Structure formats: structure tokens, C-alpha cells
């Protein structure tokens, strides 16, 4: 919730929200870049989980505060969030797969 206890429906409508949203977008873009590097370099599973989770969080905050365009190649925060949700789901499956197969073969 916003620092001034505004409800979620009021986010993006108050003075200064767009500037705060731009800061969240910047943090989201940073985690998006880190996650992209993790994808390319096949970083450890948990680093990709953290990077994608943080990118989703910061882009969601930026979107709620009125940001509609990003520096990211995907441009729109909602598209970026969707992409990182797919990556997060795949990473969770990658983390859980060895444990699930071990349970099935017991």
C-alpha cells in the first residue's frame, strides 16, 4: 500500500505517483536485465527465481502507479510481467522436477 495509506484503486491518481512509478519501473528494468542475463548464462535456478520475482514485483508497482512504457524491449509493463511470470513458472517447474520424479519413483 502507498505510504499515505491510499487504497489500491487510488494508485496512479495522486500527485507524484508517476515519478514514484518511474522509480519502480527503473528497478523492474534492472531486475529484468539481470533475469535476461540469467536466462542467457543459464544461471543457477534460484537466482533466476529471485530476479524474475523482483522484476514482476517492481513492474507491477510501476504499472499501478501509472507507468505505461518501459525501457525494456517488450515496452509495456503488463507484457513484461506476463513474460516474467512464464519464466517464473518454468523455473519453478525446473526446481521442482527432480523432487517430483523422486517422489513418483519411490
N, C-alpha and C. Protein backbone atom coordinates (compact mmCIF):
# COMPACT_ATOMS: atom_id res chain seq x y z
N UNK A 1 0.83 -1.17 0.00
CA UNK A 1 0.00 0.00 0.00
C UNK A 1 0.88 1.24 0.00
N UNK A 2 0.40 2.31 -0.54
CA UNK A 2 1.18 3.54 -0.64
C UNK A 2 1.47 4.08 0.75
N UNK A 3 2.53 4.91 0.83
CA UNK A 3 2.98 5.44 2.11
C UNK A 3 1.89 6.27 2.80
N UNK A 4 1.04 6.92 2.05
CA UNK A 4 -0.01 7.75 2.65
C UNK A 4 -1.31 6.97 2.84
N UNK A 5 -1.23 5.65 2.87
CA UNK A 5 -2.37 4.76 3.12
C UNK A 5 -3.48 4.89 2.10
N UNK A 6 -3.16 5.23 0.88
CA UNK A 6 -4.16 5.29 -0.19
C UNK A 6 -4.54 3.87 -0.57
N UNK A 7 -5.79 3.70 -0.97
CA UNK A 7 -6.22 2.37 -1.40
C UNK A 7 -5.62 2.05 -2.76
N UNK A 8 -5.63 0.77 -3.13
CA UNK A 8 -5.05 0.35 -4.40
C UNK A 8 -5.76 0.99 -5.58
N UNK A 9 -7.04 1.31 -5.45
CA UNK A 9 -7.76 1.93 -6.55
C UNK A 9 -7.34 3.37 -6.77
N UNK A 10 -6.71 3.99 -5.78
CA UNK A 10 -6.28 5.38 -5.90
C UNK A 10 -4.85 5.50 -6.43
N UNK A 11 -4.12 4.39 -6.53
CA UNK A 11 -2.75 4.45 -7.01
C UNK A 11 -2.73 4.97 -8.44
N UNK A 12 -1.78 5.80 -8.74
CA UNK A 12 -1.63 6.35 -10.08
C UNK A 12 -2.47 7.59 -10.32
N UNK A 13 -3.23 8.01 -9.32
CA UNK A 13 -4.10 9.16 -9.48
C UNK A 13 -3.68 10.35 -8.63
N UNK A 14 -2.68 10.16 -7.79
CA UNK A 14 -2.26 11.24 -6.90
C UNK A 14 -0.99 11.89 -7.43
N UNK A 15 -0.77 13.11 -6.98
CA UNK A 15 0.42 13.85 -7.40
C UNK A 15 1.68 13.10 -6.96
N UNK A 16 2.62 12.97 -7.84
CA UNK A 16 3.88 12.31 -7.54
C UNK A 16 3.89 10.81 -7.82
N UNK A 17 2.72 10.23 -8.10
CA UNK A 17 2.66 8.79 -8.35
C UNK A 17 3.44 8.39 -9.60
N UNK A 18 3.36 9.20 -10.65
CA UNK A 18 4.07 8.84 -11.88
C UNK A 18 5.58 8.85 -11.66
N UNK A 19 6.09 9.79 -10.88
CA UNK A 19 7.52 9.82 -10.57
C UNK A 19 7.92 8.60 -9.75
N UNK A 20 7.10 8.26 -8.75
CA UNK A 20 7.37 7.05 -7.96
C UNK A 20 7.27 5.82 -8.84
N UNK A 21 6.30 5.80 -9.74
CA UNK A 21 6.15 4.69 -10.67
C UNK A 21 7.37 4.54 -11.56
N UNK A 22 7.93 5.67 -11.99
CA UNK A 22 9.14 5.63 -12.83
C UNK A 22 10.31 5.02 -12.07
N UNK A 23 10.39 5.26 -10.76
CA UNK A 23 11.45 4.64 -9.95
C UNK A 23 11.24 3.12 -9.88
N UNK A 24 9.99 2.70 -9.70
CA UNK A 24 9.71 1.26 -9.69
C UNK A 24 10.01 0.63 -11.05
N UNK A 25 9.67 1.35 -12.12
CA UNK A 25 9.97 0.85 -13.46
C UNK A 25 11.46 0.69 -13.64
N UNK A 26 12.22 1.63 -13.13
CA UNK A 26 13.68 1.56 -13.23
C UNK A 26 14.21 0.33 -12.48
N UNK A 27 13.69 0.08 -11.29
CA UNK A 27 14.10 -1.11 -10.53
C UNK A 27 13.65 -2.39 -11.25
N UNK A 28 12.44 -2.36 -11.80
CA UNK A 28 11.96 -3.52 -12.56
C UNK A 28 12.83 -3.79 -13.76
N UNK A 29 13.23 -2.71 -14.46
CA UNK A 29 14.09 -2.87 -15.62
C UNK A 29 15.45 -3.44 -15.23
N UNK A 30 15.97 -3.02 -14.08
CA UNK A 30 17.23 -3.57 -13.60
C UNK A 30 17.11 -5.08 -13.38
N UNK A 31 16.04 -5.51 -12.71
CA UNK A 31 15.85 -6.94 -12.47
C UNK A 31 15.52 -7.70 -13.74
N UNK A 32 14.89 -7.01 -14.68
CA UNK A 32 14.63 -7.62 -15.99
C UNK A 32 15.95 -7.91 -16.70
N UNK A 33 16.89 -6.96 -16.65
CA UNK A 33 18.21 -7.17 -17.27
C UNK A 33 18.95 -8.30 -16.57
N UNK A 34 18.91 -8.33 -15.25
CA UNK A 34 19.59 -9.39 -14.51
C UNK A 34 18.98 -10.75 -14.86
N UNK A 35 17.65 -10.80 -14.93
CA UNK A 35 16.98 -12.05 -15.30
C UNK A 35 17.32 -12.48 -16.71
N UNK A 36 17.42 -11.52 -17.63
CA UNK A 36 17.80 -11.85 -19.01
C UNK A 36 19.19 -12.45 -19.06
N UNK A 37 20.11 -11.85 -18.31
CA UNK A 37 21.48 -12.39 -18.25
C UNK A 37 21.45 -13.79 -17.65
N UNK A 38 20.61 -13.99 -16.63
CA UNK A 38 20.49 -15.31 -16.02
C UNK A 38 19.97 -16.33 -17.01
N UNK A 39 19.00 -15.93 -17.84
CA UNK A 39 18.49 -16.83 -18.87
C UNK A 39 19.56 -17.20 -19.88
N UNK A 40 20.29 -16.20 -20.33
CA UNK A 40 21.32 -16.44 -21.34
C UNK A 40 22.46 -17.28 -20.78
N UNK A 41 22.87 -16.99 -19.57
CA UNK A 41 24.02 -17.67 -18.97
C UNK A 41 23.63 -18.95 -18.23
N UNK A 42 22.35 -19.30 -18.25
CA UNK A 42 21.84 -20.45 -17.51
C UNK A 42 22.34 -20.39 -16.07
N UNK A 43 22.01 -19.26 -15.47
CA UNK A 43 22.37 -19.00 -14.07
C UNK A 43 21.72 -20.05 -13.18
N UNK A 44 22.18 -20.17 -11.96
CA UNK A 44 21.52 -21.13 -11.05
C UNK A 44 20.03 -20.86 -10.93
N UNK A 45 19.30 -21.92 -10.69
CA UNK A 45 17.83 -21.87 -10.66
C UNK A 45 17.29 -20.81 -9.71
N UNK A 46 17.88 -20.70 -8.55
CA UNK A 46 17.34 -19.80 -7.54
C UNK A 46 17.62 -18.34 -7.86
N UNK A 47 18.70 -18.04 -8.56
CA UNK A 47 18.97 -16.66 -8.97
C UNK A 47 17.94 -16.21 -9.99
N UNK A 48 17.58 -17.08 -10.91
CA UNK A 48 16.55 -16.75 -11.90
C UNK A 48 15.19 -16.57 -11.22
N UNK A 49 14.90 -17.39 -10.23
CA UNK A 49 13.66 -17.26 -9.47
C UNK A 49 13.60 -15.90 -8.79
N UNK A 50 14.67 -15.48 -8.14
CA UNK A 50 14.71 -14.19 -7.45
C UNK A 50 14.60 -13.04 -8.43
N UNK A 51 15.36 -13.08 -9.51
CA UNK A 51 15.36 -11.99 -10.49
C UNK A 51 13.98 -11.84 -11.14
N UNK A 52 13.36 -12.95 -11.52
CA UNK A 52 12.04 -12.85 -12.17
C UNK A 52 10.99 -12.38 -11.17
N UNK A 53 11.06 -12.83 -9.93
CA UNK A 53 10.11 -12.39 -8.91
C UNK A 53 10.21 -10.90 -8.66
N UNK A 54 11.43 -10.39 -8.55
CA UNK A 54 11.62 -8.96 -8.31
C UNK A 54 11.23 -8.13 -9.52
N UNK A 55 11.50 -8.61 -10.71
CA UNK A 55 11.08 -7.89 -11.92
C UNK A 55 9.56 -7.79 -11.96
N UNK A 56 8.86 -8.88 -11.66
CA UNK A 56 7.40 -8.87 -11.63
C UNK A 56 6.89 -7.88 -10.60
N UNK A 57 7.46 -7.92 -9.40
CA UNK A 57 7.02 -7.02 -8.32
C UNK A 57 7.19 -5.56 -8.72
N UNK A 58 8.38 -5.19 -9.17
CA UNK A 58 8.63 -3.77 -9.46
C UNK A 58 7.85 -3.28 -10.68
N UNK A 59 7.69 -4.10 -11.69
CA UNK A 59 6.88 -3.69 -12.84
C UNK A 59 5.40 -3.59 -12.45
N UNK A 60 4.91 -4.45 -11.58
CA UNK A 60 3.53 -4.35 -11.11
C UNK A 60 3.32 -3.06 -10.34
N UNK A 61 4.26 -2.72 -9.47
CA UNK A 61 4.17 -1.46 -8.73
C UNK A 61 4.19 -0.27 -9.69
N UNK A 62 5.08 -0.30 -10.66
CA UNK A 62 5.16 0.80 -11.63
C UNK A 62 3.86 0.92 -12.42
N UNK A 63 3.30 -0.22 -12.82
CA UNK A 63 2.04 -0.21 -13.57
C UNK A 63 0.91 0.37 -12.74
N UNK A 64 0.84 0.01 -11.46
CA UNK A 64 -0.20 0.53 -10.57
C UNK A 64 -0.06 2.04 -10.36
N UNK A 65 1.15 2.55 -10.49
CA UNK A 65 1.39 3.99 -10.30
C UNK A 65 1.30 4.77 -11.60
N UNK A 66 0.89 4.12 -12.67
CA UNK A 66 0.61 4.84 -13.91
C UNK A 66 1.64 4.75 -15.01
N UNK A 67 2.71 3.98 -14.82
CA UNK A 67 3.72 3.84 -15.87
C UNK A 67 3.16 2.94 -16.96
N UNK A 68 3.21 3.40 -18.21
CA UNK A 68 2.65 2.62 -19.32
C UNK A 68 3.71 2.25 -20.36
N UNK A 69 4.94 2.70 -20.16
CA UNK A 69 6.00 2.40 -21.13
C UNK A 69 7.30 2.18 -20.38
N UNK A 70 8.08 1.23 -20.85
CA UNK A 70 9.33 0.87 -20.19
C UNK A 70 10.50 0.95 -21.16
N UNK A 71 11.69 0.96 -20.61
CA UNK A 71 12.90 0.90 -21.42
C UNK A 71 13.13 -0.51 -21.96
N UNK A 72 12.48 -1.50 -21.38
CA UNK A 72 12.64 -2.89 -21.77
C UNK A 72 12.19 -3.09 -23.22
N UNK A 73 12.76 -4.06 -23.89
CA UNK A 73 12.43 -4.34 -25.29
C UNK A 73 10.95 -4.70 -25.46
N UNK A 74 10.31 -5.24 -24.44
CA UNK A 74 8.89 -5.59 -24.52
C UNK A 74 7.97 -4.38 -24.34
N UNK A 75 8.49 -3.28 -23.90
CA UNK A 75 7.86 -1.95 -23.78
C UNK A 75 6.76 -1.82 -22.73
N UNK A 76 5.68 -2.56 -22.81
CA UNK A 76 4.56 -2.35 -21.89
C UNK A 76 4.75 -3.19 -20.63
N UNK A 77 4.61 -2.57 -19.43
CA UNK A 77 4.82 -3.32 -18.19
C UNK A 77 3.98 -4.59 -18.06
N UNK A 78 2.75 -4.58 -18.57
CA UNK A 78 1.91 -5.77 -18.47
C UNK A 78 2.46 -6.93 -19.30
N UNK A 79 3.00 -6.63 -20.47
CA UNK A 79 3.62 -7.66 -21.31
C UNK A 79 4.88 -8.20 -20.62
N UNK A 80 5.64 -7.30 -20.02
CA UNK A 80 6.86 -7.70 -19.32
C UNK A 80 6.51 -8.60 -18.13
N UNK A 81 5.49 -8.22 -17.39
CA UNK A 81 5.05 -9.03 -16.24
C UNK A 81 4.62 -10.42 -16.72
N UNK A 82 3.87 -10.48 -17.80
CA UNK A 82 3.45 -11.77 -18.35
C UNK A 82 4.63 -12.64 -18.74
N UNK A 83 5.63 -12.04 -19.40
CA UNK A 83 6.81 -12.79 -19.80
C UNK A 83 7.53 -13.36 -18.57
N UNK A 84 7.75 -12.51 -17.56
CA UNK A 84 8.48 -12.98 -16.38
C UNK A 84 7.66 -13.97 -15.56
N UNK A 85 6.34 -13.90 -15.65
CA UNK A 85 5.52 -14.93 -14.99
C UNK A 85 5.72 -16.29 -15.65
N UNK A 86 5.82 -16.29 -16.98
CA UNK A 86 6.11 -17.55 -17.69
C UNK A 86 7.48 -18.09 -17.30
N UNK A 87 8.47 -17.20 -17.24
CA UNK A 87 9.82 -17.60 -16.83
C UNK A 87 9.80 -18.14 -15.41
N UNK A 88 9.09 -17.45 -14.52
CA UNK A 88 9.00 -17.89 -13.13
C UNK A 88 8.35 -19.27 -13.03
N UNK A 89 7.28 -19.49 -13.78
CA UNK A 89 6.60 -20.80 -13.77
C UNK A 89 7.53 -21.89 -14.29
N UNK A 90 8.25 -21.61 -15.37
CA UNK A 90 9.19 -22.59 -15.91
C UNK A 90 10.31 -22.88 -14.92
N UNK A 91 10.79 -21.83 -14.24
CA UNK A 91 11.87 -22.01 -13.26
C UNK A 91 11.38 -22.83 -12.07
N UNK A 92 10.16 -22.56 -11.63
CA UNK A 92 9.61 -23.36 -10.53
C UNK A 92 9.48 -24.83 -10.93
N UNK A 93 9.06 -25.07 -12.16
CA UNK A 93 8.97 -26.45 -12.65
C UNK A 93 10.36 -27.08 -12.70
N UNK A 94 11.35 -26.31 -13.13
CA UNK A 94 12.73 -26.79 -13.21
C UNK A 94 13.26 -27.13 -11.82
N UNK A 95 12.90 -26.31 -10.82
CA UNK A 95 13.34 -26.56 -9.44
C UNK A 95 12.61 -27.78 -8.88
N UNK A 96 11.30 -27.90 -9.15
CA UNK A 96 10.50 -28.96 -8.54
C UNK A 96 10.65 -30.31 -9.24
N UNK A 97 11.03 -30.33 -10.52
CA UNK A 97 11.06 -31.57 -11.30
C UNK A 97 11.85 -32.70 -10.64
N UNK A 98 13.08 -32.47 -10.20
CA UNK A 98 13.83 -33.58 -9.58
C UNK A 98 13.13 -34.14 -8.34
N UNK A 99 12.49 -33.27 -7.58
CA UNK A 99 11.81 -33.71 -6.37
C UNK A 99 10.54 -34.50 -6.71
N UNK A 100 9.83 -34.04 -7.73
CA UNK A 100 8.62 -34.74 -8.15
C UNK A 100 8.92 -36.12 -8.73
N UNK A 101 9.95 -36.20 -9.55
CA UNK A 101 10.30 -37.50 -10.13
C UNK A 101 10.79 -38.46 -9.06
N UNK A 102 11.49 -37.95 -8.07
CA UNK A 102 11.96 -38.78 -6.97
C UNK A 102 10.77 -39.34 -6.20
N UNK A 103 9.73 -38.52 -5.98
CA UNK A 103 8.53 -38.97 -5.28
C UNK A 103 7.78 -40.03 -6.08
N UNK A 104 7.71 -39.86 -7.38
CA UNK A 104 6.99 -40.79 -8.24
C UNK A 104 7.67 -42.14 -8.28
N UNK A 105 9.00 -42.16 -8.29
CA UNK A 105 9.76 -43.42 -8.42
C UNK A 105 9.99 -44.12 -7.09
N UNK A 106 9.43 -43.64 -6.02
CA UNK A 106 9.63 -44.31 -4.73
C UNK A 106 8.60 -45.38 -4.52
